[in-house]
Amino acid sequence: QLQLVESGGGLVQPGGSLRLSCAASGFTLHYAIGWFRQAPGKEREGVSCISSSGGSTNYADSVKGRFTISRDNAKNTVYLQMNSLKPEDTAVYYCGVFKLCVLWPDEYDYWGQGTQVTVSS
């Protein structure tokens, strides 16, 4: 059984940084990992994804230049470094698994439980 566990969320002031982790208990080396977020009253949206090799990444326009995704396949973990955080980044952040690095949440097969990120002064 493949499981994903997100961690690293919390409360941060605008302009601050957080690093989220997505730890997988099953085999994910041949799959892309994506980060998505969902704010209250809004649909889940793609934030970033990374291919199985780490050679290809995608970012939503709203986070380009601020967020960086990376993966450590030896640890079966994907990270999302979030810098210059804004209040509009506030959401529950989820990681998911899919064959391809795309930012379409309906395509992803597995999800973690999410971790809350709150950006507020």
Protein backbone atom coordinates (compact mmCIF):
# COMPACT_ATOMS: atom_id res chain seq x y z
CA GLN A 1 0.00 0.00 0.00
CA LEU A 2 1.41 3.35 -1.03
CA GLN A 3 1.06 6.12 1.52
CA LEU A 4 2.01 9.77 1.36
CA VAL A 5 2.54 11.90 4.44
CA GLU A 6 2.93 15.66 4.25
CA SER A 7 4.67 17.67 6.93
CA GLY A 8 6.28 21.05 7.48
CA GLY A 9 3.26 23.31 7.44
CA GLY A 10 2.61 25.97 10.01
CA LEU A 11 2.07 29.65 10.64
CA VAL A 12 4.45 32.09 9.00
CA GLN A 13 4.50 35.83 8.44
CA PRO A 14 4.27 37.32 4.95
CA GLY A 15 7.67 37.20 3.31
CA GLY A 16 8.71 34.20 5.35
CA SER A 17 9.62 30.69 4.27
CA LEU A 18 8.56 27.12 4.87
CA ARG A 19 9.73 23.78 3.57
CA LEU A 20 7.14 21.10 3.08
CA SER A 21 8.00 17.42 2.90
CA CYS A 22 6.12 14.58 1.25
CA ALA A 23 7.32 11.21 2.49
CA ALA A 24 6.21 8.09 0.61
CA SER A 25 6.12 4.66 2.21
CA GLY A 26 5.68 2.80 -1.07
CA PHE A 27 7.68 2.64 -4.28
CA THR A 28 7.42 5.93 -6.17
CA LEU A 29 10.70 6.18 -8.07
CA HIS A 30 8.99 5.87 -11.47
CA TYR A 31 6.29 8.42 -10.77
CA ALA A 32 5.94 12.15 -10.71
CA ILE A 33 5.07 13.86 -7.46
CA GLY A 34 2.90 16.94 -7.40
CA TRP A 35 2.08 19.54 -4.78
CA PHE A 36 -1.42 20.95 -4.72
CA ARG A 37 -3.26 23.27 -2.42
CA GLN A 38 -6.82 23.97 -1.45
CA ALA A 39 -8.04 27.07 0.30
CA PRO A 40 -11.45 27.26 2.00
CA GLY A 41 -14.20 27.58 -0.58
CA LYS A 42 -11.85 27.01 -3.51
CA GLU A 43 -11.02 24.10 -5.78
CA ARG A 44 -7.81 22.17 -5.36
CA GLU A 45 -5.15 23.71 -7.59
CA GLY A 46 -1.78 22.60 -8.82
CA VAL A 47 1.27 24.27 -7.33
CA SER A 48 4.27 22.33 -8.60
CA CYS A 49 5.32 18.89 -9.75
CA ILE A 50 8.52 17.02 -10.43
CA SER A 51 9.19 14.09 -12.74
CA SER A 52 10.45 10.72 -11.57
CA SER A 53 14.02 11.59 -12.56
CA GLY A 54 13.83 15.09 -11.18
CA GLY A 55 14.75 16.46 -14.59
CA SER A 56 11.44 18.13 -15.32
CA THR A 57 9.43 20.46 -13.13
CA ASN A 58 6.34 22.60 -13.51
CA TYR A 59 5.11 25.52 -11.45
CA ALA A 60 1.92 27.45 -11.30
CA ASP A 61 2.32 31.03 -12.44
CA SER A 62 1.38 32.24 -8.99
CA VAL A 63 4.41 30.61 -7.37
CA LYS A 64 7.10 30.84 -10.05
CA GLY A 65 10.26 32.36 -8.69
CA ARG A 66 9.16 31.79 -5.10
CA PHE A 67 8.71 28.03 -4.73
CA THR A 68 11.17 25.26 -5.56
CA ILE A 69 10.38 21.57 -5.77
CA SER A 70 12.98 18.85 -5.34
CA ARG A 71 13.13 15.14 -4.62
CA ASP A 72 15.42 12.75 -2.84
CA ASN A 73 14.65 9.34 -4.26
CA ALA A 74 16.93 7.60 -1.76
CA LYS A 75 14.67 8.90 0.99
CA ASN A 76 11.50 8.61 -1.09
CA THR A 77 10.75 12.21 -0.22
CA VAL A 78 9.76 15.28 -2.21
CA TYR A 79 10.21 18.78 -0.86
CA LEU A 80 8.59 22.09 -1.59
CA GLN A 81 10.65 25.08 -0.54
CA MET A 82 8.37 28.08 -0.25
CA ASN A 83 9.92 31.53 -0.04
CA SER A 84 8.45 35.03 -0.05
CA LEU A 85 5.17 33.67 1.19
CA LYS A 86 2.02 35.70 0.71
CA PRO A 87 -1.32 35.57 2.51
CA GLU A 88 -2.88 34.15 -0.64
CA ASP A 89 -0.63 31.11 -0.27
CA THR A 90 -2.68 30.10 2.77
CA ALA A 91 -4.18 26.67 2.13
CA VAL A 92 -3.96 23.01 2.94
CA TYR A 93 -1.13 21.60 0.87
CA TYR A 94 -1.32 18.06 -0.48
CA CYS A 95 1.11 15.88 -2.36
CA GLY A 96 0.02 13.33 -4.93
CA VAL A 97 1.43 10.67 -7.23
CA PHE A 98 0.91 10.34 -10.98
CA LYS A 99 2.81 9.02 -14.00
CA LEU A 100 3.43 12.46 -15.44
CA CYS A 101 4.41 15.84 -14.09
CA VAL A 102 1.19 17.75 -14.64
CA LEU A 103 -0.78 20.20 -12.54
CA TRP A 104 -4.21 18.69 -13.06
CA PRO A 105 -5.35 17.33 -9.69
CA ASP A 106 -7.98 14.98 -11.15
CA GLU A 107 -5.21 12.96 -12.79
CA TYR A 108 -3.40 12.03 -9.60
CA ASP A 109 -3.84 8.57 -8.15
CA TYR A 110 -2.74 8.90 -4.53
CA TRP A 111 -2.88 11.68 -1.99
CA GLY A 112 -1.57 12.46 1.43
CA GLN A 113 -3.63 13.89 4.25
CA GLY A 114 -2.44 17.45 3.75
CA THR A 115 -0.58 19.98 5.86
CA GLN A 116 -1.88 23.42 6.75
CA VAL A 117 0.05 26.50 5.67
CA THR A 118 -1.10 29.82 7.09
CA VAL A 119 0.54 33.08 6.05
CA SER A 120 -0.52 35.92 8.30
CA SER A 121 0.94 38.80 10.25
